[in-house]
Amino acid sequence: MGHHQHRPACARRAFTLIELLVVISIIALLVGILLPALGAARRTARNAVCASNVRQCTVGLLSYAQDNRGYLPAAWSDPIALLSNKRAYWQTTIWTYITSDKIDLNKLNSPYEYLEGTVFECPSAEDGRGGYNIGNHLANGYGMNISMVTNKGIGEPGPKTGLFATDQERQRWYQREDLVVTSSATMILTDNESFYAEYWHRGSQPNQIGILGGPAMQGALERHGPQSWNIAKLDGSVSGTDFYDVPGVSNASLYNAGAAVSPGILVGGSDDLVPKETKLFWIGRDSL
């Protein structure tokens, strides 16, 4: 009687080269499908963090105004003795409204490393046109709107600075939150490559240089998609806002780089030149 050789039950047939290639192809296909989804999820999460940052900063700004008779902090202060005679940007002024962490006084000057990793930096700054700026951390966050009405007057038709002798003078002025007509229509804070934002001149296309004093907002484009910013209004609301939804002027001649527009011209211009929506968004009122 012959003996039959039985293959052990635990023995397995080895993969053929073709089967191995098929498995590798399937894995590559799955990775190709999953990576974009993971990237999109990461962008969505960072966008949510940015919106939360903007909201916290806005609450801090409005809390400061409530404690200071309606005055918002200056975007950029004169030297302050308590800060070792260094200038304070609005982030420093509202610091204690946002966090209990201490400020490193040795980092208050350029490159402003005290802002690194805080709510004052956008988590998607590296995705913006200007990228993440290790030489100036002010460029990785948000800018205050300094075109709003003030107790010194809105400005007169004429130079960009209106009633202010210099642009820096307006940066150091305390804007009046309580003078704004419609808080839900007026911008207070935006994704920005500068600590302040103002209406300067507006390119008619997202790829044009020339919105808010040069690259400030333009450089922050693409942080949250192709052409949008996280923008806060004075009522505390925050929303992703497309380039084309940021109000500008209807006169195309004011789009060019040499056509600076002062707050006074914006609010004093006729409605066919400057829509009321634009006046409310930047200045906080639609008439003198």
Protein backbone atom coordinates (compact mmCIF):
# COMPACT_ATOMS: atom_id res chain seq x y z
CA MET A 1 0.00 0.00 0.00
CA GLY A 2 1.57 3.22 -1.10
CA HIS A 3 2.15 6.16 1.17
CA HIS A 4 0.79 9.58 0.22
CA GLN A 5 2.80 12.64 1.24
CA HIS A 6 0.57 15.29 2.77
CA ARG A 7 1.51 18.99 2.79
CA PRO A 8 1.53 20.30 6.36
CA ALA A 9 -1.57 22.35 7.18
CA CYS A 10 0.56 25.30 8.26
CA ALA A 11 2.43 25.54 4.98
CA ARG A 12 1.50 28.50 2.76
CA ARG A 13 2.08 29.10 -0.87
CA ALA A 14 4.50 31.97 -1.49
CA PHE A 15 3.32 35.10 -3.28
CA THR A 16 4.10 35.18 -6.93
CA LEU A 17 5.73 38.31 -8.32
CA ILE A 18 2.50 39.27 -10.09
CA GLU A 19 0.47 38.96 -6.88
CA LEU A 20 3.02 41.06 -5.02
CA LEU A 21 2.83 43.77 -7.69
CA VAL A 22 -0.97 43.72 -7.50
CA VAL A 23 -0.87 44.21 -3.72
CA ILE A 24 1.63 47.05 -4.06
CA SER A 25 -0.56 48.67 -6.72
CA ILE A 26 -3.63 48.45 -4.49
CA ILE A 27 -1.73 49.99 -1.57
CA ALA A 28 -0.46 52.80 -3.80
CA LEU A 29 -4.00 53.42 -5.03
CA LEU A 30 -5.36 53.59 -1.49
CA VAL A 31 -2.60 55.98 -0.43
CA GLY A 32 -3.35 58.15 -3.45
CA ILE A 33 -7.00 58.25 -2.45
CA LEU A 34 -6.42 58.85 1.26
CA LEU A 35 -3.67 61.49 1.16
CA PRO A 36 -5.81 64.23 -0.43
CA ALA A 37 -8.58 63.47 2.06
CA LEU A 38 -6.13 63.69 4.96
CA GLY A 39 -4.71 66.92 3.56
CA ALA A 40 -8.19 68.40 3.23
CA ALA A 41 -9.02 67.35 6.81
CA ARG A 42 -5.81 68.97 8.03
CA ARG A 43 -6.62 72.22 6.21
CA THR A 44 -10.15 72.21 7.60
CA ALA A 45 -8.83 71.71 11.13
CA ARG A 46 -6.28 74.51 10.78
CA ASN A 47 -8.91 76.81 9.33
CA ALA A 48 -11.11 76.13 12.36
CA VAL A 49 -8.18 76.92 14.69
CA CYS A 50 -7.52 80.16 12.82
CA ALA A 51 -11.18 81.19 13.06
CA SER A 52 -11.03 80.47 16.80
CA ASN A 53 -7.86 82.57 17.08
CA VAL A 54 -9.49 85.48 15.29
CA ARG A 55 -12.55 85.19 17.53
CA GLN A 56 -10.43 85.17 20.70
CA CYS A 57 -8.44 88.19 19.53
CA THR A 58 -11.66 90.02 18.67
CA VAL A 59 -13.12 89.29 22.10
CA GLY A 60 -9.91 90.64 23.61
CA LEU A 61 -10.09 93.83 21.53
CA LEU A 62 -13.76 94.41 22.38
CA SER A 63 -13.15 93.67 26.07
CA TYR A 64 -10.38 96.25 26.06
CA ALA A 65 -12.76 98.78 24.47
CA GLN A 66 -15.40 98.04 27.08
CA ASP A 67 -12.89 98.78 29.81
CA ASN A 68 -11.63 101.94 28.08
CA ARG A 69 -14.73 103.99 27.25
CA GLY A 70 -15.16 102.57 23.74
CA TYR A 71 -11.54 103.03 22.67
CA LEU A 72 -9.84 100.12 20.93
CA PRO A 73 -6.09 99.73 21.52
CA ALA A 74 -3.75 101.51 19.18
CA ALA A 75 -2.35 99.18 16.54
CA TRP A 76 1.12 100.38 17.46
CA SER A 77 1.89 102.34 20.63
CA ASP A 78 4.52 104.78 21.69
CA PRO A 79 7.26 103.35 23.94
CA ILE A 80 5.85 102.12 27.27
CA ALA A 81 7.85 102.29 30.50
CA LEU A 82 6.36 99.05 31.87
CA LEU A 83 7.57 97.29 28.74
CA SER A 84 11.18 98.42 29.12
CA ASN A 85 10.38 101.44 26.94
CA LYS A 86 9.57 99.23 23.96
CA ARG A 87 6.67 99.78 21.60
CA ALA A 88 3.59 97.67 22.10
CA TYR A 89 1.53 96.31 19.27
CA TRP A 90 -2.18 95.61 19.80
CA GLN A 91 -1.38 91.97 20.56
CA THR A 92 0.69 93.03 23.56
CA THR A 93 -1.94 95.48 24.78
CA ILE A 94 -4.69 92.85 24.95
CA TRP A 95 -2.36 90.02 26.01
CA THR A 96 -3.84 89.66 29.49
CA TYR A 97 -7.35 89.52 28.02
CA ILE A 98 -6.34 86.44 26.03
CA THR A 99 -3.92 84.44 28.16
CA SER A 100 -2.34 84.24 31.59
CA ASP A 101 1.07 83.46 30.10
CA LYS A 102 3.82 85.98 30.73
CA ILE A 103 5.36 88.02 27.93
CA ASP A 104 9.10 87.68 27.48
CA LEU A 105 10.19 91.32 27.47
CA ASN A 106 13.39 90.31 25.70
CA LYS A 107 11.37 89.25 22.66
CA LEU A 108 9.24 92.36 22.18
CA ASN A 109 11.46 93.69 19.44
CA SER A 110 11.95 92.23 15.95
CA PRO A 111 11.45 89.38 15.08
CA TYR A 112 8.71 89.43 17.79
CA GLU A 113 9.16 85.80 18.81
CA TYR A 114 6.79 86.25 21.77
CA LEU A 115 3.96 85.77 19.25
CA GLU A 116 5.22 82.41 18.02
CA GLY A 117 2.76 79.58 18.56
CA THR A 118 0.15 81.80 20.23
CA VAL A 119 -3.42 82.70 19.21
CA PHE A 120 -1.91 85.72 17.50
CA GLU A 121 -0.40 83.54 14.76
CA CYS A 122 -2.41 81.85 12.01
CA PRO A 123 -1.76 78.07 11.94
CA SER A 124 -1.96 78.22 8.14
CA ALA A 125 0.49 81.10 7.73
CA GLU A 126 2.90 78.83 5.87
CA ASP A 127 0.25 78.30 3.18
CA GLY A 128 -0.16 82.02 2.46
CA ARG A 129 1.50 83.70 -0.48
CA GLY A 130 4.12 85.17 1.79
CA GLY A 131 4.74 81.90 3.64
CA TYR A 132 5.76 81.66 7.29
CA ASN A 133 8.01 84.57 8.20
CA ILE A 134 10.63 83.66 10.81
CA GLY A 135 12.13 87.15 10.50
CA ASN A 136 8.91 88.93 11.51
CA HIS A 137 6.28 87.00 13.45
CA LEU A 138 3.88 89.94 13.14
CA ALA A 139 3.52 88.84 9.51
CA ASN A 140 2.17 85.41 10.45
CA GLY A 141 -1.04 86.56 12.06
CA TYR A 142 -3.72 89.17 11.92
CA GLY A 143 -4.15 92.89 11.29
CA MET A 144 -6.43 95.43 12.97
CA ASN A 145 -8.54 97.67 10.77
CA ILE A 146 -7.29 101.22 11.44
CA SER A 147 -9.54 102.92 8.87
CA MET A 148 -12.42 103.13 11.36
CA VAL A 149 -13.81 106.38 12.74
CA THR A 150 -11.90 108.05 15.55
CA ASN A 151 -12.40 110.93 17.92
CA LYS A 152 -9.91 112.94 15.85
CA GLY A 153 -12.14 112.91 12.79
CA ILE A 154 -12.52 110.62 9.83
CA GLY A 155 -10.17 112.45 7.53
CA GLU A 156 -10.56 114.98 4.75
CA PRO A 157 -10.52 114.50 0.98
CA GLY A 158 -6.90 114.74 -0.06
CA PRO A 159 -3.89 112.67 0.98
CA LYS A 160 -4.27 109.11 2.19
CA THR A 161 -3.55 110.10 5.78
CA GLY A 162 -6.49 112.54 5.98
CA LEU A 163 -6.27 114.49 9.24
CA PHE A 164 -3.20 112.57 10.32
CA ALA A 165 0.25 113.94 9.60
CA THR A 166 1.69 110.51 8.87
CA ASP A 167 0.49 106.97 8.34
CA GLN A 168 2.25 105.96 11.57
CA GLU A 169 0.21 108.53 13.44
CA ARG A 170 -2.99 106.72 12.47
CA GLN A 171 -1.44 103.40 13.47
CA ARG A 172 -0.86 104.84 16.93
CA TRP A 173 -4.33 106.36 17.29
CA TYR A 174 -7.04 104.80 19.41
CA GLN A 175 -10.00 103.96 17.17
CA ARG A 176 -13.52 104.39 18.55
CA GLU A 177 -15.53 101.16 18.59
CA ASP A 178 -18.52 102.99 20.02
CA LEU A 179 -18.76 105.36 17.00
CA VAL A 180 -19.35 102.54 14.51
CA VAL A 181 -22.91 102.60 13.15
CA THR A 182 -23.42 98.92 12.32
CA SER A 183 -21.07 96.61 14.19
CA SER A 184 -22.08 93.57 12.12
CA ALA A 185 -20.94 95.32 8.92
CA THR A 186 -17.54 96.70 9.97
CA MET A 187 -14.28 94.76 9.93
CA ILE A 188 -12.11 94.81 13.03
CA LEU A 189 -9.58 92.03 12.29
CA THR A 190 -8.37 89.99 9.32
CA ASP A 191 -5.78 87.48 8.19
CA ASN A 192 -2.89 89.76 7.34
CA GLU A 193 0.85 90.05 6.82
CA SER A 194 0.99 93.21 8.91
CA PHE A 195 -0.24 94.13 12.37
CA TYR A 196 -2.72 96.59 10.83
CA ALA A 197 -5.04 96.76 7.85
CA GLU A 198 -6.42 99.84 6.13
CA TYR A 199 -8.11 100.73 2.88
CA TRP A 200 -5.31 101.80 0.59
CA HIS A 201 -5.96 100.69 -2.96
CA ARG A 202 -7.57 97.53 -4.24
CA GLY A 203 -6.58 95.35 -7.13
CA SER A 204 -9.58 94.12 -9.08
CA GLN A 205 -8.18 90.57 -9.19
CA PRO A 206 -6.77 88.42 -6.38
CA ASN A 207 -3.37 88.20 -8.09
CA GLN A 208 -2.94 91.98 -8.24
CA ILE A 209 -0.72 93.66 -5.70
CA GLY A 210 -2.53 96.52 -4.11
CA ILE A 211 -4.97 95.86 -1.30
CA LEU A 212 -4.39 97.48 2.06
CA GLY A 213 -1.03 99.08 1.78
CA GLY A 214 0.70 96.63 -0.50
CA PRO A 215 1.11 92.93 0.30
CA ALA A 216 -0.52 92.95 3.74
CA MET A 217 -3.77 91.10 2.94
CA GLN A 218 -2.59 89.89 -0.46
CA GLY A 219 0.26 88.02 1.20
CA ALA A 220 -2.21 86.25 3.51
CA LEU A 221 -4.28 84.98 0.58
CA GLU A 222 -4.22 81.20 0.10
CA ARG A 223 -3.95 80.51 3.82
CA HIS A 224 -7.53 79.25 3.70
CA GLY A 225 -8.13 78.34 0.11
CA PRO A 226 -7.33 80.09 -3.17
CA GLN A 227 -8.52 83.61 -2.30
CA SER A 228 -10.05 84.09 1.12
CA TRP A 229 -9.39 85.40 4.61
CA ASN A 230 -10.89 84.81 8.05
CA ILE A 231 -12.39 88.18 8.89
CA ALA A 232 -13.99 89.37 12.14
CA LYS A 233 -16.61 92.09 12.46
CA LEU A 234 -17.17 94.39 15.40
CA ASP A 235 -20.12 92.30 16.58
CA GLY A 236 -17.68 89.46 17.27
CA SER A 237 -18.68 87.32 14.28
CA VAL A 238 -15.97 85.57 12.23
CA SER A 239 -16.34 84.18 8.73
CA GLY A 240 -14.25 83.03 5.82
CA THR A 241 -14.49 85.88 3.31
CA ASP A 242 -13.68 85.63 -0.37
CA PHE A 243 -11.58 88.30 -2.08
CA TYR A 244 -14.56 89.41 -4.15
CA ASP A 245 -16.73 89.74 -1.03
CA VAL A 246 -14.40 92.33 0.52
CA PRO A 247 -16.08 95.59 -0.52
CA GLY A 248 -14.10 97.92 -2.75
CA VAL A 249 -14.90 100.90 -4.93
CA SER A 250 -16.81 100.86 -8.20
CA ASN A 251 -14.45 103.27 -9.96
CA ALA A 252 -11.81 101.11 -11.67
CA SER A 253 -9.40 104.07 -11.80
CA LEU A 254 -9.03 103.71 -8.04
CA TYR A 255 -7.67 100.19 -8.44
CA ASN A 256 -4.23 101.28 -9.62
CA ALA A 257 -1.29 101.45 -7.29
CA GLY A 258 -1.03 105.24 -7.40
CA ALA A 259 -4.63 105.85 -6.39
CA ALA A 260 -4.48 105.93 -2.62
CA VAL A 261 -7.88 106.46 -0.99
CA SER A 262 -8.13 108.05 2.45
CA PRO A 263 -10.85 107.13 4.93
CA GLY A 264 -12.24 110.63 4.41
CA ILE A 265 -12.58 110.10 0.67
CA LEU A 266 -14.17 106.70 1.19
CA VAL A 267 -16.85 107.90 3.55
CA GLY A 268 -17.30 111.27 1.85
CA GLY A 269 -17.50 109.90 -1.68
CA SER A 270 -20.80 109.63 -3.49
CA ASP A 271 -22.56 106.28 -3.34
CA ASP A 272 -21.97 105.68 -7.04
CA LEU A 273 -18.21 105.99 -6.45
CA VAL A 274 -18.00 104.29 -3.06
CA PRO A 275 -20.89 101.93 -2.21
CA LYS A 276 -22.37 102.22 1.28
CA GLU A 277 -21.30 98.64 1.93
CA THR A 278 -17.68 99.67 1.40
CA LYS A 279 -17.99 102.66 3.71
CA LEU A 280 -19.53 100.58 6.47
CA PHE A 281 -17.00 97.76 6.06
CA TRP A 282 -13.90 99.95 6.35
CA ILE A 283 -14.95 103.14 8.12
CA GLY A 284 -17.91 102.09 10.22
CA ARG A 285 -20.36 104.64 8.87
CA ASP A 286 -21.77 105.49 5.47
CA SER A 287 -21.85 109.30 5.71
CA LEU A 288 -19.97 112.15 7.31
